[in-house]
Protein backbone atom coordinates (compact mmCIF):
# COMPACT_ATOMS: atom_id res chain seq x y z
CA MET A 1 -4.51 15.96 65.93
CA THR A 2 -5.51 19.46 67.05
CA ALA A 3 -4.34 20.47 70.51
CA MET A 4 -7.08 21.54 72.91
CA SER A 5 -7.12 25.10 74.21
CA HIS A 6 -6.66 25.85 77.90
CA SER A 7 -10.40 26.57 78.22
CA GLU A 8 -11.26 23.23 76.61
CA VAL A 9 -8.94 21.38 79.00
CA SER A 10 -10.51 23.21 81.96
CA ARG A 11 -14.01 22.46 80.67
CA ASN A 12 -13.25 18.77 80.21
CA GLN A 13 -11.63 18.56 83.63
CA ILE A 14 -14.67 20.08 85.35
CA LEU A 15 -16.96 17.78 83.37
CA GLY A 16 -14.85 14.84 84.50
CA ASP A 17 -15.02 15.96 88.12
CA LEU A 18 -18.78 16.40 87.83
CA ILE A 19 -19.22 12.89 86.42
CA ALA A 20 -17.07 11.50 89.25
CA ASP A 21 -19.19 13.34 91.83
CA LEU A 22 -22.37 11.89 90.38
CA GLY A 23 -20.94 8.38 90.51
CA PRO A 24 -20.54 5.74 87.79
CA LYS A 25 -24.01 4.27 88.35
CA ASP A 26 -25.86 7.58 87.96
CA ALA A 27 -27.72 7.63 84.64
CA ARG A 28 -26.96 11.34 84.25
CA ALA A 29 -23.24 10.69 84.60
CA VAL A 30 -23.44 8.01 81.92
CA ALA A 31 -25.35 10.38 79.64
CA LEU A 32 -22.75 13.13 80.13
CA GLN A 33 -19.96 10.71 79.27
CA THR A 34 -21.59 9.61 76.05
CA GLN A 35 -22.89 13.00 74.88
CA ASP A 36 -20.58 14.91 72.54
CA ALA A 37 -22.84 17.73 71.32
CA ASP A 38 -22.61 20.97 73.29
CA GLU A 39 -26.37 21.49 73.21
CA GLY A 40 -26.96 18.00 74.56
CA ILE A 41 -24.46 18.54 77.38
CA SER A 42 -26.09 21.89 78.18
CA HIS A 43 -29.50 20.21 78.41
CA LEU A 44 -28.16 17.60 80.81
CA LEU A 45 -26.48 20.29 82.93
CA ALA A 46 -29.73 22.27 83.08
CA SER A 47 -31.62 19.18 84.24
CA LEU A 48 -29.04 18.66 86.99
CA LEU A 49 -29.32 22.25 88.14
CA ALA A 50 -33.12 21.98 88.16
CA ASP A 51 -32.88 19.10 90.65
CA MET A 52 -33.36 20.79 94.03
CA SER A 53 -31.93 17.72 95.75
CA ILE A 54 -28.45 17.95 94.22
CA SER A 55 -25.64 18.92 96.55
CA PRO A 56 -24.03 22.37 96.44
CA ARG A 57 -20.80 20.69 95.31
CA ILE A 58 -22.45 19.33 92.17
CA ALA A 59 -24.37 22.57 91.59
CA TYR A 60 -21.11 24.56 91.77
CA ARG A 61 -19.54 22.37 89.10
CA VAL A 62 -22.57 22.76 86.84
CA LEU A 63 -22.49 26.55 87.28
CA TRP A 64 -18.76 26.67 86.55
CA LEU A 65 -19.59 25.12 83.18
CA LEU A 66 -22.19 27.76 82.29
CA PRO A 67 -19.77 30.01 80.31
CA SER A 68 -18.73 26.95 78.27
CA PHE A 69 -22.31 25.95 77.41
CA PRO A 70 -24.29 29.24 77.41
CA THR A 71 -27.51 27.99 75.90
CA GLU A 72 -30.80 29.74 76.60
CA GLU A 73 -31.95 26.70 78.59
CA LEU A 74 -28.94 26.61 80.91
CA ILE A 75 -28.87 30.39 81.37
CA GLY A 76 -32.55 30.33 82.28
CA GLN A 77 -31.98 27.56 84.80
CA ALA A 78 -29.04 29.43 86.34
CA LEU A 79 -31.32 32.44 86.85
CA ARG A 80 -33.96 30.23 88.45
CA THR A 81 -31.29 28.76 90.71
CA MET A 82 -30.25 32.26 91.80
CA ALA A 83 -33.86 32.99 92.71
CA ASP A 84 -34.79 29.67 94.30
CA ARG A 85 -31.58 28.68 96.08
CA PRO A 86 -30.07 31.62 97.97
CA ASP A 87 -27.21 29.35 99.09
CA LEU A 88 -26.16 29.17 95.42
CA ALA A 89 -27.03 32.75 94.46
CA HIS A 90 -23.46 34.05 94.59
CA ALA A 91 -22.10 31.12 92.58
CA ALA A 92 -24.81 31.61 89.94
CA GLY A 93 -24.19 35.35 89.81
CA ARG A 94 -20.43 34.89 89.44
CA GLU A 95 -20.90 32.82 86.29
CA LEU A 96 -23.83 34.76 84.83
CA LYS A 97 -21.94 38.05 84.84
CA LYS A 98 -19.14 36.43 82.82
CA LEU A 99 -21.56 36.06 79.92
CA LYS A 100 -22.00 39.84 79.51
CA ASP A 101 -25.45 39.03 78.12
CA PRO A 102 -27.83 42.03 78.21
CA SER A 103 -30.83 39.79 77.56
CA ILE A 104 -30.80 38.65 81.20
CA ILE A 105 -31.22 42.21 82.56
CA PRO A 106 -35.06 42.13 82.76
CA ARG A 107 -34.95 38.81 84.65
CA LEU A 108 -32.34 40.14 87.07
CA GLY A 109 -34.29 43.36 87.54
CA SER A 110 -37.50 41.50 88.31
CA MET A 111 -35.58 39.42 90.83
CA VAL A 112 -34.22 42.49 92.63
CA LEU A 113 -37.76 43.84 93.02
CA ASP A 114 -39.42 40.57 94.04
CA SER A 115 -39.97 40.84 97.79
CA THR A 116 -40.97 37.17 98.00
CA LEU A 117 -37.40 36.08 97.25
CA ALA A 118 -34.62 35.69 99.80
CA THR A 119 -32.50 38.79 100.38
CA ASP A 120 -29.31 36.98 99.29
CA SER A 121 -30.91 36.23 95.92
CA ARG A 122 -32.12 39.79 95.40
CA ALA A 123 -28.81 41.32 96.50
CA GLU A 124 -26.85 39.07 94.14
CA ALA A 125 -29.15 39.99 91.26
CA ALA A 126 -28.45 43.66 92.00
CA VAL A 127 -24.71 43.04 92.05
CA VAL A 128 -24.82 41.27 88.68
CA LEU A 129 -26.80 44.15 87.18
CA GLY A 130 -23.97 46.45 88.22
CA GLU A 131 -21.22 44.15 86.98
CA LEU A 132 -22.89 43.97 83.56
CA GLY A 133 -22.51 47.75 83.46
CA ASP A 134 -25.45 48.22 81.11
CA PRO A 135 -27.59 51.37 81.52
CA ALA A 136 -30.64 49.18 80.95
CA GLY A 137 -30.25 48.02 84.54
CA LYS A 138 -30.55 51.52 86.02
CA ASP A 139 -34.34 51.70 86.20
CA PHE A 140 -34.57 48.48 88.19
CA LEU A 141 -31.90 49.65 90.63
CA VAL A 142 -33.53 53.05 91.14
CA ARG A 143 -36.85 51.35 91.80
CA ALA A 144 -35.12 49.11 94.33
CA LEU A 145 -33.77 52.16 96.17
CA LYS A 146 -37.28 53.58 96.46
CA ALA A 147 -38.85 50.32 97.64
CA LEU A 148 -38.86 49.03 101.19
CA GLN A 149 -35.85 46.79 100.71
CA GLU A 150 -33.59 45.16 103.28
CA PRO A 151 -30.17 46.75 103.95
CA ILE A 152 -28.23 44.06 102.08
CA VAL A 153 -30.31 44.68 98.95
CA LEU A 154 -30.11 48.47 99.23
CA ARG A 155 -26.35 48.30 99.70
CA ALA A 156 -25.93 46.14 96.59
CA ALA A 157 -28.27 48.33 94.54
CA ALA A 158 -26.40 51.49 95.58
CA TYR A 159 -23.05 49.99 94.64
CA SER A 160 -24.31 48.82 91.26
CA LEU A 161 -26.05 52.07 90.43
CA GLY A 162 -22.92 54.05 91.27
CA TYR A 163 -20.82 51.77 89.07
CA ILE A 164 -23.17 52.04 86.09
CA GLN A 165 -23.22 55.82 86.47
CA LEU A 166 -19.42 55.86 86.56
CA LEU A 167 -19.26 53.92 83.30
CA GLU A 168 -21.83 56.25 81.77
CA GLY A 169 -20.07 59.37 83.00
CA SER A 170 -23.43 60.47 84.37
CA THR A 171 -24.87 61.54 87.74
CA ASP A 172 -28.59 61.61 86.91
CA ALA A 173 -29.37 59.07 89.67
CA ALA A 174 -27.65 61.12 92.38
CA ASP A 175 -30.91 62.33 93.95
CA ASP A 176 -32.14 58.75 94.23
CA LEU A 177 -28.94 57.70 95.98
CA CYS A 178 -29.11 60.71 98.31
CA ILE A 179 -32.34 59.31 99.74
CA LEU A 180 -30.24 56.52 101.30
CA LEU A 181 -28.08 59.01 103.19
CA SER A 182 -30.84 59.23 105.79
CA SER A 183 -31.18 55.46 106.19
CA SER A 184 -31.17 54.11 109.75
CA PHE A 185 -28.57 51.52 108.73
CA PRO A 186 -24.86 52.54 108.68
CA GLU A 187 -24.10 50.04 105.89
CA VAL A 188 -26.70 51.66 103.65
CA ARG A 189 -25.55 55.22 104.38
CA LEU A 190 -21.95 54.24 103.67
CA ALA A 191 -22.94 52.47 100.42
CA ALA A 192 -24.69 55.63 99.26
CA VAL A 193 -21.68 57.81 100.13
CA ASN A 194 -19.36 55.47 98.23
CA ALA A 195 -21.66 55.28 95.21
CA LEU A 196 -21.94 59.06 95.02
CA SER A 197 -18.17 59.29 95.32
CA ASN A 198 -17.60 56.75 92.54
CA MET A 199 -19.79 58.70 90.15
CA TRP A 200 -18.31 62.07 91.17
CA ALA A 201 -21.70 63.49 92.13
CA THR A 202 -20.50 66.94 93.14
CA GLN A 203 -24.11 68.13 93.45
CA ALA A 204 -24.46 65.82 96.48
CA ARG A 205 -21.51 67.29 98.39
CA ASP A 206 -23.59 69.30 100.88
CA GLN A 207 -25.74 66.29 101.75
CA ILE A 208 -22.67 64.11 102.20
CA GLU A 209 -20.97 66.78 104.28
CA ALA A 210 -23.97 66.72 106.62
CA LEU A 211 -22.84 63.23 107.65
CA VAL A 212 -19.30 64.13 108.78
CA ASN A 213 -20.33 63.76 112.44
CA ASP A 214 -22.16 60.49 111.80
CA GLN A 215 -20.97 58.02 114.46
CA GLY A 216 -22.39 55.00 112.67
CA VAL A 217 -20.05 52.04 112.23
CA THR A 218 -20.64 49.17 109.83
CA ALA A 219 -20.23 45.51 110.68
CA SER A 220 -16.80 45.61 109.03
CA GLY A 221 -15.71 48.50 111.25
CA GLU A 222 -16.00 51.38 108.77
CA ASN A 223 -17.01 54.76 110.19
CA VAL A 224 -19.68 56.56 108.16
CA GLY A 225 -18.67 60.05 109.31
CA LYS A 226 -15.01 59.54 108.51
CA ARG A 227 -15.79 58.31 105.02
CA ALA A 228 -18.27 61.14 104.47
CA ALA A 229 -15.56 63.67 105.37
CA GLU A 230 -13.13 62.08 102.89
CA VAL A 231 -15.66 62.06 100.08
CA SER A 232 -16.77 65.61 100.85
CA ARG A 233 -13.17 66.82 100.46
CA LEU A 234 -12.76 64.92 97.19
CA LEU A 235 -15.94 66.39 95.74
CA ARG A 236 -15.03 69.89 96.93
CA ASP A 237 -11.68 69.61 95.17
CA ALA A 238 -13.39 68.33 92.04
CA GLN A 239 -15.67 71.36 92.04
CA LYS A 240 -12.69 73.70 92.36
CA ASP A 241 -10.96 72.06 89.39
CA ARG A 242 -13.91 72.71 87.10
């Protein structure tokens, strides 16, 4: 008898917990118990996730199983859940980024730019684009910076764009990020400063230095001017070392 791997034990445990949550009389729980093909289980999980009436607890368990059953159907439903249920957007994003699947980039990008969706959904889509680290996500993020987006979305897009640029070793999106330095929201200005710092955009040093007297404070208590001064010094030193 072949011993199960740790991931298989975890998968089976979560499946067992999901079945228990559904209850022994639920037809879907019975179907999950009797189904042994991965594709069949994935189909059942997708149908559960498509049910807008299921509780967050059950939805979380289904999403946790996504990396174990990454069929096109279940991935597609996880993306729809991110868009349609902002309360589950972060949970869906956490599991989707584990897949490292570049094929979902266009769907995520469209989500970021869809102003009809909740801000939590769009911000999470932007975060996942960054976590995937694929340059294919850059265009969507730049377009998000130029659109009339809410602060939470702009902040996420700035972070993700800076991270992708860091991985690329490029600063070609620096001018787009610099636009955010004049935002009326401290969180957005700080996100732009941090993104430019992460990608070592020395060409933006003067614009960042212009914020050293910025008295803006974010909700978490971070001072924009103080951070701008730190980043300005770092970029000045980087220029000297070249």
